[in-house]
N, C-alpha and C. Protein backbone atom coordinates (compact mmCIF):
# COMPACT_ATOMS: atom_id res chain seq x y z
N UNK A 1 23.64 15.55 -7.93
CA UNK A 1 22.95 14.40 -8.47
C UNK A 1 22.17 14.74 -9.73
N UNK A 2 21.98 16.02 -10.00
CA UNK A 2 21.23 16.39 -11.19
C UNK A 2 21.94 15.96 -12.46
N UNK A 3 23.25 15.74 -12.38
CA UNK A 3 23.98 15.29 -13.57
C UNK A 3 23.59 13.87 -13.99
N UNK A 4 22.93 13.14 -13.09
CA UNK A 4 22.48 11.78 -13.41
C UNK A 4 21.08 11.77 -14.04
N UNK A 5 20.35 12.86 -13.89
CA UNK A 5 18.96 12.92 -14.36
C UNK A 5 18.89 12.79 -15.88
N UNK A 6 18.22 11.75 -16.32
CA UNK A 6 18.03 11.53 -17.75
C UNK A 6 19.12 10.74 -18.44
N UNK A 7 20.13 10.31 -17.69
CA UNK A 7 21.19 9.52 -18.32
C UNK A 7 20.65 8.17 -18.78
N UNK A 8 21.17 7.68 -19.88
CA UNK A 8 20.68 6.44 -20.47
C UNK A 8 20.80 5.27 -19.51
N UNK A 9 21.94 5.14 -18.83
CA UNK A 9 22.10 4.00 -17.93
C UNK A 9 21.13 4.07 -16.76
N UNK A 10 20.82 5.27 -16.28
CA UNK A 10 19.86 5.41 -15.19
C UNK A 10 18.44 5.05 -15.64
N UNK A 11 18.05 5.54 -16.80
CA UNK A 11 16.72 5.26 -17.33
C UNK A 11 16.57 3.75 -17.59
N UNK A 12 17.58 3.14 -18.19
CA UNK A 12 17.51 1.70 -18.46
C UNK A 12 17.46 0.89 -17.17
N UNK A 13 18.22 1.31 -16.17
CA UNK A 13 18.21 0.62 -14.88
C UNK A 13 16.84 0.72 -14.22
N UNK A 14 16.24 1.89 -14.26
CA UNK A 14 14.90 2.05 -13.69
C UNK A 14 13.87 1.20 -14.42
N UNK A 15 14.00 1.12 -15.73
CA UNK A 15 13.07 0.28 -16.50
C UNK A 15 13.20 -1.19 -16.09
N UNK A 16 14.42 -1.66 -15.92
CA UNK A 16 14.64 -3.05 -15.47
C UNK A 16 14.08 -3.26 -14.07
N UNK A 17 14.30 -2.27 -13.19
CA UNK A 17 13.77 -2.37 -11.83
C UNK A 17 12.24 -2.45 -11.84
N UNK A 18 11.62 -1.65 -12.68
CA UNK A 18 10.16 -1.68 -12.77
C UNK A 18 9.65 -3.03 -13.27
N UNK A 19 10.34 -3.60 -14.23
CA UNK A 19 9.95 -4.91 -14.75
C UNK A 19 10.07 -5.96 -13.64
N UNK A 20 11.16 -5.89 -12.86
CA UNK A 20 11.34 -6.82 -11.74
C UNK A 20 10.25 -6.62 -10.68
N UNK A 21 9.98 -5.36 -10.34
CA UNK A 21 8.94 -5.06 -9.36
C UNK A 21 7.57 -5.56 -9.83
N UNK A 22 7.27 -5.34 -11.10
CA UNK A 22 5.99 -5.78 -11.62
C UNK A 22 5.88 -7.30 -11.58
N UNK A 23 6.98 -7.98 -11.84
CA UNK A 23 6.98 -9.44 -11.72
C UNK A 23 6.65 -9.89 -10.31
N UNK A 24 7.21 -9.20 -9.32
CA UNK A 24 6.91 -9.53 -7.92
C UNK A 24 5.45 -9.22 -7.59
N UNK A 25 4.95 -8.11 -8.09
CA UNK A 25 3.55 -7.73 -7.86
C UNK A 25 2.62 -8.78 -8.46
N UNK A 26 2.89 -9.19 -9.68
CA UNK A 26 2.06 -10.20 -10.34
C UNK A 26 2.11 -11.52 -9.56
N UNK A 27 3.27 -11.87 -9.04
CA UNK A 27 3.41 -13.09 -8.24
C UNK A 27 2.53 -13.01 -6.99
N UNK A 28 2.54 -11.89 -6.31
CA UNK A 28 1.70 -11.72 -5.13
C UNK A 28 0.23 -11.75 -5.51
N UNK A 29 -0.12 -11.04 -6.59
CA UNK A 29 -1.52 -11.02 -7.04
C UNK A 29 -2.02 -12.43 -7.38
N UNK A 30 -1.13 -13.26 -7.92
CA UNK A 30 -1.56 -14.61 -8.29
C UNK A 30 -1.94 -15.43 -7.05
N UNK A 31 -1.43 -15.04 -5.90
CA UNK A 31 -1.72 -15.76 -4.66
C UNK A 31 -2.83 -15.11 -3.86
N UNK A 32 -2.94 -13.79 -3.94
CA UNK A 32 -3.87 -13.07 -3.07
C UNK A 32 -5.04 -12.44 -3.82
N UNK A 33 -4.89 -12.31 -5.11
CA UNK A 33 -5.84 -11.53 -5.89
C UNK A 33 -5.37 -10.08 -5.90
N UNK A 34 -5.89 -9.29 -6.83
CA UNK A 34 -5.42 -7.90 -6.93
C UNK A 34 -5.76 -7.09 -5.68
N UNK A 35 -4.86 -6.20 -5.35
CA UNK A 35 -5.07 -5.30 -4.23
C UNK A 35 -5.77 -4.06 -4.78
N UNK A 36 -6.92 -3.75 -4.29
CA UNK A 36 -7.72 -2.65 -4.82
C UNK A 36 -7.47 -1.36 -4.02
N UNK A 37 -6.39 -0.69 -4.38
CA UNK A 37 -6.06 0.60 -3.77
C UNK A 37 -5.76 1.58 -4.89
N UNK A 38 -6.01 2.86 -4.67
CA UNK A 38 -5.71 3.85 -5.71
C UNK A 38 -4.21 3.92 -5.99
N UNK A 39 -3.90 4.17 -7.23
CA UNK A 39 -2.52 4.37 -7.64
C UNK A 39 -2.01 5.68 -7.06
N UNK A 40 -0.76 5.70 -6.63
CA UNK A 40 -0.14 6.93 -6.14
C UNK A 40 0.07 7.90 -7.30
N UNK A 41 0.55 7.38 -8.42
CA UNK A 41 0.86 8.21 -9.59
C UNK A 41 -0.41 8.64 -10.33
N UNK A 42 -1.37 7.74 -10.41
CA UNK A 42 -2.62 7.99 -11.13
C UNK A 42 -3.79 7.75 -10.17
N UNK A 43 -4.09 8.72 -9.29
CA UNK A 43 -5.10 8.51 -8.25
C UNK A 43 -6.50 8.20 -8.76
N UNK A 44 -6.76 8.49 -10.04
CA UNK A 44 -8.07 8.18 -10.61
C UNK A 44 -8.19 6.73 -11.06
N UNK A 45 -7.09 5.96 -10.92
CA UNK A 45 -7.10 4.55 -11.33
C UNK A 45 -6.68 3.68 -10.15
N UNK A 46 -7.09 2.44 -10.20
CA UNK A 46 -6.64 1.48 -9.19
C UNK A 46 -5.23 1.01 -9.57
N UNK A 47 -4.40 0.80 -8.58
CA UNK A 47 -3.00 0.43 -8.86
C UNK A 47 -2.90 -0.88 -9.65
N UNK A 48 -3.84 -1.78 -9.46
CA UNK A 48 -3.80 -3.05 -10.17
C UNK A 48 -4.21 -2.91 -11.64
N UNK A 49 -4.73 -1.74 -12.02
CA UNK A 49 -5.19 -1.52 -13.39
C UNK A 49 -4.24 -0.66 -14.22
N UNK A 50 -3.07 -0.38 -13.70
CA UNK A 50 -2.09 0.44 -14.43
C UNK A 50 -1.45 -0.42 -15.52
N UNK A 51 -1.44 0.08 -16.74
CA UNK A 51 -0.84 -0.63 -17.87
C UNK A 51 0.65 -0.28 -17.94
N UNK A 52 1.46 -1.04 -17.22
CA UNK A 52 2.88 -0.75 -17.12
C UNK A 52 3.59 -0.93 -18.46
N UNK A 53 3.17 -1.89 -19.26
CA UNK A 53 3.79 -2.11 -20.57
C UNK A 53 3.67 -0.86 -21.43
N UNK A 54 2.49 -0.30 -21.46
CA UNK A 54 2.25 0.92 -22.23
C UNK A 54 3.10 2.08 -21.71
N UNK A 55 3.18 2.21 -20.40
CA UNK A 55 3.97 3.29 -19.82
C UNK A 55 5.47 3.11 -20.11
N UNK A 56 5.94 1.87 -20.08
CA UNK A 56 7.35 1.62 -20.39
C UNK A 56 7.65 1.92 -21.85
N UNK A 57 6.69 1.68 -22.73
CA UNK A 57 6.88 2.03 -24.14
C UNK A 57 6.93 3.55 -24.32
N UNK A 58 6.13 4.26 -23.55
CA UNK A 58 6.03 5.70 -23.68
C UNK A 58 7.24 6.41 -23.08
N UNK A 59 7.75 5.92 -21.96
CA UNK A 59 8.83 6.60 -21.25
C UNK A 59 10.12 5.79 -21.34
N UNK A 60 10.84 6.02 -22.41
CA UNK A 60 12.10 5.34 -22.67
C UNK A 60 13.15 6.40 -23.01
N UNK A 61 14.39 5.99 -23.05
CA UNK A 61 15.48 6.90 -23.41
C UNK A 61 15.46 7.15 -24.91
N UNK A 62 15.63 8.43 -25.31
CA UNK A 62 15.69 8.81 -26.72
C UNK A 62 16.95 9.65 -26.91
N UNK A 63 17.85 9.19 -27.80
CA UNK A 63 19.09 9.94 -28.05
C UNK A 63 18.79 11.37 -28.47
N UNK A 64 19.51 12.30 -27.87
CA UNK A 64 19.42 13.70 -28.25
C UNK A 64 18.22 14.45 -27.69
N UNK A 65 17.41 13.79 -26.89
CA UNK A 65 16.21 14.41 -26.31
C UNK A 65 16.39 14.56 -24.80
N UNK A 66 17.28 15.46 -24.40
CA UNK A 66 17.64 15.59 -22.98
C UNK A 66 16.44 15.90 -22.09
N UNK A 67 15.61 16.83 -22.51
CA UNK A 67 14.46 17.21 -21.69
C UNK A 67 13.48 16.05 -21.54
N UNK A 68 13.21 15.34 -22.64
CA UNK A 68 12.31 14.19 -22.57
C UNK A 68 12.91 13.09 -21.69
N UNK A 69 14.22 12.87 -21.81
CA UNK A 69 14.88 11.83 -21.00
C UNK A 69 14.81 12.16 -19.52
N UNK A 70 14.95 13.43 -19.17
CA UNK A 70 14.83 13.83 -17.78
C UNK A 70 13.40 13.60 -17.28
N UNK A 71 12.43 13.93 -18.13
CA UNK A 71 11.03 13.69 -17.79
C UNK A 71 10.77 12.19 -17.61
N UNK A 72 11.28 11.38 -18.53
CA UNK A 72 11.11 9.93 -18.44
C UNK A 72 11.72 9.40 -17.14
N UNK A 73 12.88 9.90 -16.79
CA UNK A 73 13.57 9.47 -15.58
C UNK A 73 12.68 9.72 -14.36
N UNK A 74 12.10 10.92 -14.28
CA UNK A 74 11.24 11.26 -13.16
C UNK A 74 9.98 10.40 -13.14
N UNK A 75 9.36 10.20 -14.30
CA UNK A 75 8.15 9.37 -14.37
C UNK A 75 8.46 7.94 -13.94
N UNK A 76 9.59 7.40 -14.38
CA UNK A 76 9.96 6.04 -13.98
C UNK A 76 10.20 5.94 -12.48
N UNK A 77 10.82 6.95 -11.88
CA UNK A 77 10.98 6.97 -10.42
C UNK A 77 9.62 6.98 -9.73
N UNK A 78 8.70 7.77 -10.26
CA UNK A 78 7.36 7.82 -9.69
C UNK A 78 6.64 6.47 -9.83
N UNK A 79 6.89 5.77 -10.91
CA UNK A 79 6.27 4.46 -11.10
C UNK A 79 6.85 3.43 -10.14
N UNK A 80 8.12 3.56 -9.80
CA UNK A 80 8.72 2.67 -8.78
C UNK A 80 7.97 2.88 -7.46
N UNK A 81 7.73 4.13 -7.10
CA UNK A 81 6.98 4.43 -5.87
C UNK A 81 5.57 3.85 -5.96
N UNK A 82 4.96 4.00 -7.13
CA UNK A 82 3.59 3.53 -7.32
C UNK A 82 3.46 2.02 -7.20
N UNK A 83 4.45 1.31 -7.61
CA UNK A 83 4.37 -0.14 -7.56
C UNK A 83 4.42 -0.60 -6.13
């Protein structure tokens, strides 16, 4: 499975999944109010205060940057868990 790490289609798919998940989270928050629990990925912040837009801008696929793409892939997986 390591051959999939950092592939463009995987990174793009994770980004779309995160956007969908965040939409569901926002929908729930609109009905219940924010859930005040620590973030799994960023334990010093509350999960409702994570700036996902900024993180998605930072962790994207970049042609020719295999190591960065692998890192982005892992961070995006961690953000899926965090959501």
